[in-house]
Amino acid sequence: MASRRRPTGPLIQHPDRPLGPGTALGRYTVERLRGQWRIGLAYAVRHEDGSPRLALTVKLKPGLMDRFLRWAAREGERRESLPRDLIVPREGGDLVGDRGYLILDPFEGDSLLQRVRQKGPLSERQAVHVVRRLASLVAGAHDQGLRLGGLRPTTVLLPGTGPKILSLGLRRGLDELLERPPGPPARYMPPDADPRRRPTYAEDIYALGALAWYALSGEQPPRMGPDHQVALPPSWRRRDEEVAALLDPVVMRAMAPRVVDRHAHAGELAAELAAVAEVFDLPAGARALMGLPARDLGGFERVGTDPGLLFDLLHRR
């Protein structure tokens, strides 16, 4: 529920400065500054019941505080039906003047952007594991009627417990309220997308393909036009040539310029990636029988798939 209780504390007279420890944000108390985000300052806070949360302060356009609080309340209401690893605003509050704050579930771990910058592109195996989970989260959101929008490497979190998605709602109405909203992630939007409108399910699927592209290549996806054909980048990593031949068409389909050529549902993309993941877990003898390199690739969680789908992927060449 949105909060109208204004914060208290020694620095509240200076809203442009970081909030000090002990400052109250409604039912939450600031513990420390977490960092500077693109749209505001992030803080580790604690609820009055003792549970940890994250608060993000934002600067709104003049006169839009009530609209912001209603928007945040709607986000919090729909959050209850979403996958747990999809992080969306829990609630919002009135800070001071035209400044408000959003409350989020806490999280740890680097973003996909940080991971690739620090250690380079992911292997096929790692990318399949990450993007398959992302597709499952997006499918869960779509099943509840929520189109995320704004997916990019900075919104993909990679804690040790498994990939998560941070979705602040920048393409779901928050961008219309902020004084200086960040620009849309053009490289992760299909050519038919209109950044002035709310996102579509098909746009989220394209973004998943573009995230796979980035994870595998370490490069930003190309700017696409309606008549462009997706081509593999020269830096695409090839640790397992045969498995890559199965993975490439899945990514290319998700990134198809035309909506009709993409996966119909994010769950379909997740299922295809799960089928590719099955190949990683095949015993050496089975891999050899299928003409794949006979190596032990064990490690990632095994997720059962439809044998027919796996067969189709192995023979889609």
Protein backbone atom coordinates (compact mmCIF):
# COMPACT_ATOMS: atom_id res chain seq x y z
CA MET A 1 0.00 0.00 0.00
CA ALA A 2 1.32 3.49 -0.85
CA SER A 3 2.61 5.53 2.06
CA ARG A 4 1.93 9.22 2.73
CA ARG A 5 4.05 9.26 5.91
CA ARG A 6 6.90 11.60 5.11
CA PRO A 7 10.46 10.53 6.01
CA THR A 8 12.21 11.94 9.03
CA GLY A 9 15.91 12.26 9.76
CA PRO A 10 18.83 14.69 9.86
CA LEU A 11 19.21 15.07 6.06
CA ILE A 12 15.58 15.40 4.99
CA GLN A 13 16.00 19.18 4.66
CA HIS A 14 18.36 18.46 1.74
CA PRO A 15 16.51 16.11 -0.63
CA ASP A 16 19.36 16.12 -3.15
CA ARG A 17 21.71 14.58 -0.59
CA PRO A 18 21.77 10.88 0.36
CA LEU A 19 19.47 9.93 3.22
CA GLY A 20 21.31 9.13 6.41
CA PRO A 21 21.07 5.91 8.43
CA GLY A 22 18.01 5.96 10.66
CA THR A 23 15.89 8.05 8.27
CA ALA A 24 12.32 6.74 8.23
CA LEU A 25 10.56 6.06 4.94
CA GLY A 26 7.03 5.27 6.05
CA ARG A 27 7.27 1.82 7.67
CA TYR A 28 10.93 1.45 6.64
CA THR A 29 14.19 2.66 8.16
CA VAL A 30 17.27 3.47 6.08
CA GLU A 31 20.33 1.39 6.99
CA ARG A 32 22.84 2.37 4.31
CA LEU A 33 23.28 3.68 0.79
CA ARG A 34 23.51 0.87 -1.78
CA GLY A 35 24.48 2.98 -4.78
CA GLN A 36 23.52 5.34 -7.55
CA TRP A 37 21.09 3.94 -10.11
CA ARG A 38 20.11 5.58 -13.38
CA ILE A 39 16.89 6.98 -11.93
CA GLY A 40 17.87 7.61 -8.31
CA LEU A 41 19.66 6.47 -5.17
CA ALA A 42 19.19 2.94 -3.84
CA TYR A 43 19.21 2.17 -0.10
CA ALA A 44 19.20 -0.91 2.06
CA VAL A 45 16.20 -0.41 4.37
CA ARG A 46 14.40 -2.48 6.98
CA HIS A 47 10.66 -2.88 7.46
CA GLU A 48 9.21 -2.30 10.90
CA ASP A 49 8.72 -6.09 11.18
CA GLY A 50 12.50 -6.55 10.72
CA SER A 51 12.51 -7.81 7.13
CA PRO A 52 15.11 -6.31 4.75
CA ARG A 53 14.03 -4.36 1.68
CA LEU A 54 15.53 -2.03 -0.91
CA ALA A 55 14.33 1.54 -1.43
CA LEU A 56 14.89 3.59 -4.58
CA THR A 57 14.33 7.36 -4.49
CA VAL A 58 13.04 8.99 -7.69
CA LYS A 59 12.49 12.56 -8.92
CA LEU A 60 9.03 13.02 -10.44
CA LYS A 61 7.58 15.59 -12.79
CA PRO A 62 5.83 18.36 -10.82
CA GLY A 63 2.34 17.57 -9.61
CA LEU A 64 2.41 13.82 -10.30
CA MET A 65 2.89 12.46 -6.78
CA ASP A 66 -0.68 11.16 -6.39
CA ARG A 67 -0.50 9.49 -9.80
CA PHE A 68 2.85 7.94 -8.83
CA LEU A 69 1.41 6.53 -5.61
CA ARG A 70 -1.54 5.00 -7.47
CA TRP A 71 0.81 3.49 -10.06
CA ALA A 72 3.04 2.00 -7.35
CA ALA A 73 0.00 0.56 -5.55
CA ARG A 74 -1.12 -1.21 -8.74
CA GLU A 75 2.37 -2.64 -9.23
CA GLY A 76 2.34 -3.95 -5.67
CA GLU A 77 -1.07 -5.58 -6.08
CA ARG A 78 -0.06 -7.53 -9.18
CA ARG A 79 3.27 -8.54 -7.66
CA GLU A 80 1.58 -11.20 -5.51
CA SER A 81 0.71 -13.33 -8.55
CA LEU A 82 4.13 -13.10 -10.25
CA PRO A 83 7.11 -15.48 -10.08
CA ARG A 84 9.20 -14.91 -6.97
CA ASP A 85 12.38 -14.23 -8.95
CA LEU A 86 10.72 -11.42 -10.89
CA ILE A 87 11.41 -8.29 -8.84
CA VAL A 88 8.85 -5.51 -9.31
CA PRO A 89 7.91 -2.60 -7.00
CA ARG A 90 6.13 -3.61 -3.79
CA GLU A 91 4.86 -0.12 -2.97
CA GLY A 92 5.71 3.55 -3.23
CA GLY A 93 5.87 6.53 -0.91
CA ASP A 94 6.04 10.32 -0.76
CA LEU A 95 9.53 11.57 0.14
CA VAL A 96 9.54 15.37 -0.04
CA GLY A 97 8.48 17.82 -2.74
CA ASP A 98 8.37 15.97 -6.06
CA ARG A 99 10.54 13.14 -4.78
CA GLY A 100 9.13 9.73 -4.06
CA TYR A 101 10.47 6.28 -3.38
CA LEU A 102 9.83 2.71 -4.45
CA ILE A 103 10.20 -0.34 -2.20
CA LEU A 104 11.61 -3.54 -3.71
CA ASP A 105 12.58 -6.97 -2.49
CA PRO A 106 16.32 -7.09 -1.72
CA PHE A 107 18.74 -8.86 -4.02
CA GLU A 108 22.44 -9.59 -4.34
CA GLY A 109 24.71 -10.55 -7.22
CA ASP A 110 26.04 -8.91 -10.36
CA SER A 111 23.98 -7.97 -13.36
CA LEU A 112 24.53 -9.73 -16.68
CA LEU A 113 26.26 -6.56 -17.87
CA GLN A 114 28.75 -6.68 -14.98
CA ARG A 115 29.32 -10.42 -15.43
CA VAL A 116 30.15 -10.11 -19.13
CA ARG A 117 32.35 -7.05 -18.63
CA GLN A 118 34.33 -8.74 -15.87
CA LYS A 119 34.63 -12.28 -17.23
CA GLY A 120 33.69 -12.11 -20.89
CA PRO A 121 30.86 -13.81 -22.80
CA LEU A 122 29.08 -16.84 -21.41
CA SER A 123 29.59 -20.29 -22.86
CA GLU A 124 26.70 -21.92 -24.71
CA ARG A 125 25.98 -23.98 -21.63
CA GLN A 126 25.86 -21.00 -19.28
CA ALA A 127 23.80 -18.92 -21.70
CA VAL A 128 21.21 -21.68 -22.12
CA HIS A 129 20.89 -21.99 -18.34
CA VAL A 130 20.46 -18.24 -17.84
CA VAL A 131 18.16 -17.39 -20.75
CA ARG A 132 16.00 -20.48 -20.19
CA ARG A 133 15.29 -19.26 -16.67
CA LEU A 134 14.64 -15.72 -17.88
CA ALA A 135 12.19 -17.03 -20.47
CA SER A 136 10.37 -18.98 -17.75
CA LEU A 137 10.06 -15.83 -15.62
CA VAL A 138 8.79 -13.80 -18.56
CA ALA A 139 6.31 -16.57 -19.38
CA GLY A 140 5.04 -16.43 -15.79
CA ALA A 141 4.56 -12.67 -16.09
CA HIS A 142 2.78 -13.01 -19.44
CA ASP A 143 0.45 -15.63 -17.99
CA GLN A 144 -0.67 -12.97 -15.50
CA GLY A 145 -1.16 -10.38 -18.23
CA LEU A 146 2.02 -8.43 -17.40
CA ARG A 147 4.22 -7.31 -20.28
CA LEU A 148 7.56 -6.28 -18.81
CA GLY A 149 9.31 -4.07 -21.36
CA GLY A 150 12.74 -2.57 -20.71
CA LEU A 151 14.63 -5.88 -20.54
CA ARG A 152 18.38 -5.29 -20.92
CA PRO A 153 21.63 -6.67 -19.43
CA THR A 154 21.39 -4.38 -16.39
CA THR A 155 17.96 -5.81 -15.47
CA VAL A 156 19.19 -9.42 -15.44
CA LEU A 157 20.61 -10.38 -12.03
CA LEU A 158 22.89 -13.36 -11.50
CA PRO A 159 23.00 -14.25 -7.79
CA GLY A 160 24.14 -17.69 -6.72
CA THR A 161 20.54 -18.82 -6.28
CA GLY A 162 19.76 -18.42 -9.99
CA PRO A 163 18.89 -15.69 -12.49
CA LYS A 164 16.39 -12.99 -11.56
CA ILE A 165 14.78 -10.13 -13.45
CA LEU A 166 14.57 -6.61 -12.04
CA SER A 167 11.62 -4.81 -13.66
CA LEU A 168 11.03 -1.33 -12.28
CA GLY A 169 8.20 -0.60 -14.70
CA LEU A 170 9.95 1.99 -16.84
CA ARG A 171 7.87 0.96 -19.88
CA ARG A 172 4.76 0.30 -17.82
CA GLY A 173 4.09 3.90 -16.86
CA LEU A 174 6.95 4.92 -14.55
CA ASP A 175 8.77 6.59 -17.45
CA GLU A 176 5.79 8.94 -17.87
CA LEU A 177 6.14 10.10 -14.25
CA LEU A 178 9.90 10.62 -13.92
CA GLU A 179 11.46 14.02 -14.50
CA ARG A 180 14.35 12.49 -16.46
CA PRO A 181 13.50 8.93 -17.49
CA PRO A 182 16.26 6.84 -19.09
CA GLY A 183 15.93 6.14 -22.78
CA PRO A 184 14.48 2.84 -23.98
CA PRO A 185 16.89 -0.07 -24.62
CA ALA A 186 16.81 0.27 -28.43
CA ARG A 187 19.19 -2.65 -29.07
CA TYR A 188 16.84 -4.95 -27.14
CA MET A 189 13.68 -3.82 -28.91
CA PRO A 190 12.44 -5.19 -32.25
CA PRO A 191 12.12 -2.91 -35.28
CA ASP A 192 8.33 -2.80 -34.95
CA ALA A 193 8.42 -1.56 -31.34
CA ASP A 194 7.17 1.93 -30.48
CA PRO A 195 8.86 3.23 -27.30
CA ARG A 196 5.99 5.70 -26.83
CA ARG A 197 3.55 2.84 -26.30
CA ARG A 198 3.31 0.10 -23.70
CA PRO A 199 5.35 -3.03 -24.51
CA THR A 200 3.89 -6.13 -26.15
CA TYR A 201 4.42 -9.81 -25.40
CA ALA A 202 6.31 -10.15 -28.68
CA GLU A 203 8.71 -7.37 -27.65
CA ASP A 204 9.63 -9.23 -24.47
CA ILE A 205 10.37 -12.37 -26.51
CA TYR A 206 12.62 -10.40 -28.85
CA ALA A 207 14.43 -8.95 -25.83
CA LEU A 208 15.11 -12.47 -24.53
CA GLY A 209 16.73 -13.37 -27.85
CA ALA A 210 18.78 -10.17 -27.76
CA LEU A 211 19.91 -10.96 -24.21
CA ALA A 212 21.06 -14.39 -25.40
CA TRP A 213 22.96 -12.67 -28.20
CA TYR A 214 24.69 -10.39 -25.69
CA ALA A 215 25.45 -13.22 -23.26
CA LEU A 216 27.05 -15.35 -25.98
CA SER A 217 28.94 -12.64 -27.85
CA GLY A 218 29.71 -9.97 -25.27
CA GLU A 219 28.52 -7.43 -27.85
CA GLN A 220 25.41 -5.30 -28.05
CA PRO A 221 22.87 -6.73 -30.50
CA PRO A 222 22.70 -5.03 -33.90
CA ARG A 223 20.17 -2.34 -34.68
CA MET A 224 17.50 -4.17 -36.59
CA GLY A 225 15.29 -2.99 -39.42
CA PRO A 226 12.10 -4.68 -40.63
CA ASP A 227 13.93 -6.19 -43.62
CA HIS A 228 17.13 -7.20 -41.82
CA GLN A 229 18.18 -10.81 -41.47
CA VAL A 230 19.75 -11.69 -38.12
CA ALA A 231 23.34 -12.82 -38.63
CA LEU A 232 25.66 -14.44 -36.12
CA PRO A 233 28.43 -12.17 -34.79
CA PRO A 234 32.04 -13.27 -35.44
CA SER A 235 32.77 -13.31 -31.70
CA TRP A 236 30.02 -15.84 -30.92
CA ARG A 237 31.74 -18.42 -28.73
CA ARG A 238 31.96 -22.01 -29.96
CA ARG A 239 32.90 -24.30 -27.10
CA ASP A 240 30.66 -27.07 -28.44
CA GLU A 241 30.10 -26.69 -32.18
CA GLU A 242 27.32 -29.25 -32.48
CA VAL A 243 25.31 -27.90 -29.57
CA ALA A 244 25.81 -24.38 -30.91
CA ALA A 245 24.17 -25.53 -34.13
CA LEU A 246 21.08 -26.41 -32.06
CA LEU A 247 21.15 -23.20 -30.05
CA ASP A 248 21.66 -20.70 -32.88
CA PRO A 249 18.26 -21.18 -34.58
CA VAL A 250 16.47 -20.83 -31.23
CA VAL A 251 18.11 -17.44 -30.61
CA MET A 252 17.61 -16.33 -34.19
CA ARG A 253 13.91 -17.20 -34.02
CA ALA A 254 13.42 -15.15 -30.86
CA MET A 255 15.13 -12.20 -32.58
CA ALA A 256 13.17 -12.47 -35.83
CA PRO A 257 12.27 -8.97 -37.10
CA ARG A 258 8.67 -10.01 -37.82
CA VAL A 259 6.34 -10.93 -34.96
CA VAL A 260 4.90 -13.91 -36.84
CA ASP A 261 8.36 -15.48 -37.10
CA ARG A 262 9.10 -15.31 -33.34
CA HIS A 263 8.04 -17.74 -30.65
CA ALA A 264 4.34 -17.41 -29.95
CA HIS A 265 4.85 -17.48 -26.17
CA ALA A 266 7.84 -17.06 -23.88
CA GLY A 267 7.10 -20.54 -22.53
CA GLU A 268 7.76 -21.95 -25.99
CA LEU A 269 11.19 -20.30 -26.01
CA ALA A 270 11.89 -21.69 -22.52
CA ALA A 271 10.91 -25.19 -23.71
CA GLU A 272 13.23 -25.03 -26.71
CA LEU A 273 16.12 -23.89 -24.53
CA ALA A 274 15.34 -26.67 -22.05
CA ALA A 275 15.55 -29.15 -24.92
CA VAL A 276 18.97 -27.79 -25.88
CA ALA A 277 19.99 -28.06 -22.22
CA GLU A 278 19.07 -31.75 -22.33
CA VAL A 279 21.90 -32.25 -24.83
CA PHE A 280 24.42 -30.93 -22.30
CA ASP A 281 23.31 -33.62 -19.85
CA LEU A 282 23.39 -36.58 -22.22
CA PRO A 283 25.87 -39.35 -21.31
CA ALA A 284 28.96 -39.58 -23.49
CA GLY A 285 27.63 -42.68 -25.26
CA ALA A 286 24.35 -41.02 -26.17
CA ARG A 287 26.14 -37.95 -27.46
CA ALA A 288 28.36 -40.11 -29.63
CA LEU A 289 25.33 -41.99 -30.97
CA MET A 290 23.78 -38.68 -32.01
CA GLY A 291 27.01 -37.51 -33.61
CA LEU A 292 27.79 -35.02 -30.85
CA PRO A 293 31.21 -34.68 -29.20
CA ALA A 294 31.54 -37.40 -26.52
CA ARG A 295 32.49 -35.34 -23.51
CA ASP A 296 31.26 -35.10 -19.94
CA LEU A 297 29.50 -31.78 -19.57
CA GLY A 298 27.64 -32.45 -16.28
CA GLY A 299 26.77 -29.71 -13.78
CA PHE A 300 23.58 -27.81 -14.48
CA GLU A 301 20.16 -28.79 -13.22
CA ARG A 302 18.42 -31.28 -15.49
CA VAL A 303 14.95 -30.22 -16.60
CA GLY A 304 12.82 -32.80 -18.41
CA THR A 305 11.49 -31.91 -21.84
CA ASP A 306 9.16 -33.38 -24.40
CA PRO A 307 11.19 -36.04 -26.29
CA GLY A 308 9.51 -34.96 -29.51
CA LEU A 309 10.77 -31.42 -29.07
CA LEU A 310 14.30 -32.64 -28.41
CA PHE A 311 14.14 -34.82 -31.52
CA ASP A 312 12.91 -31.88 -33.61
CA LEU A 313 15.76 -29.68 -32.41
CA LEU A 314 18.37 -32.33 -33.14
CA HIS A 315 17.12 -32.68 -36.70
CA ARG A 316 16.32 -29.03 -37.48
CA ARG A 317 19.35 -28.37 -39.68
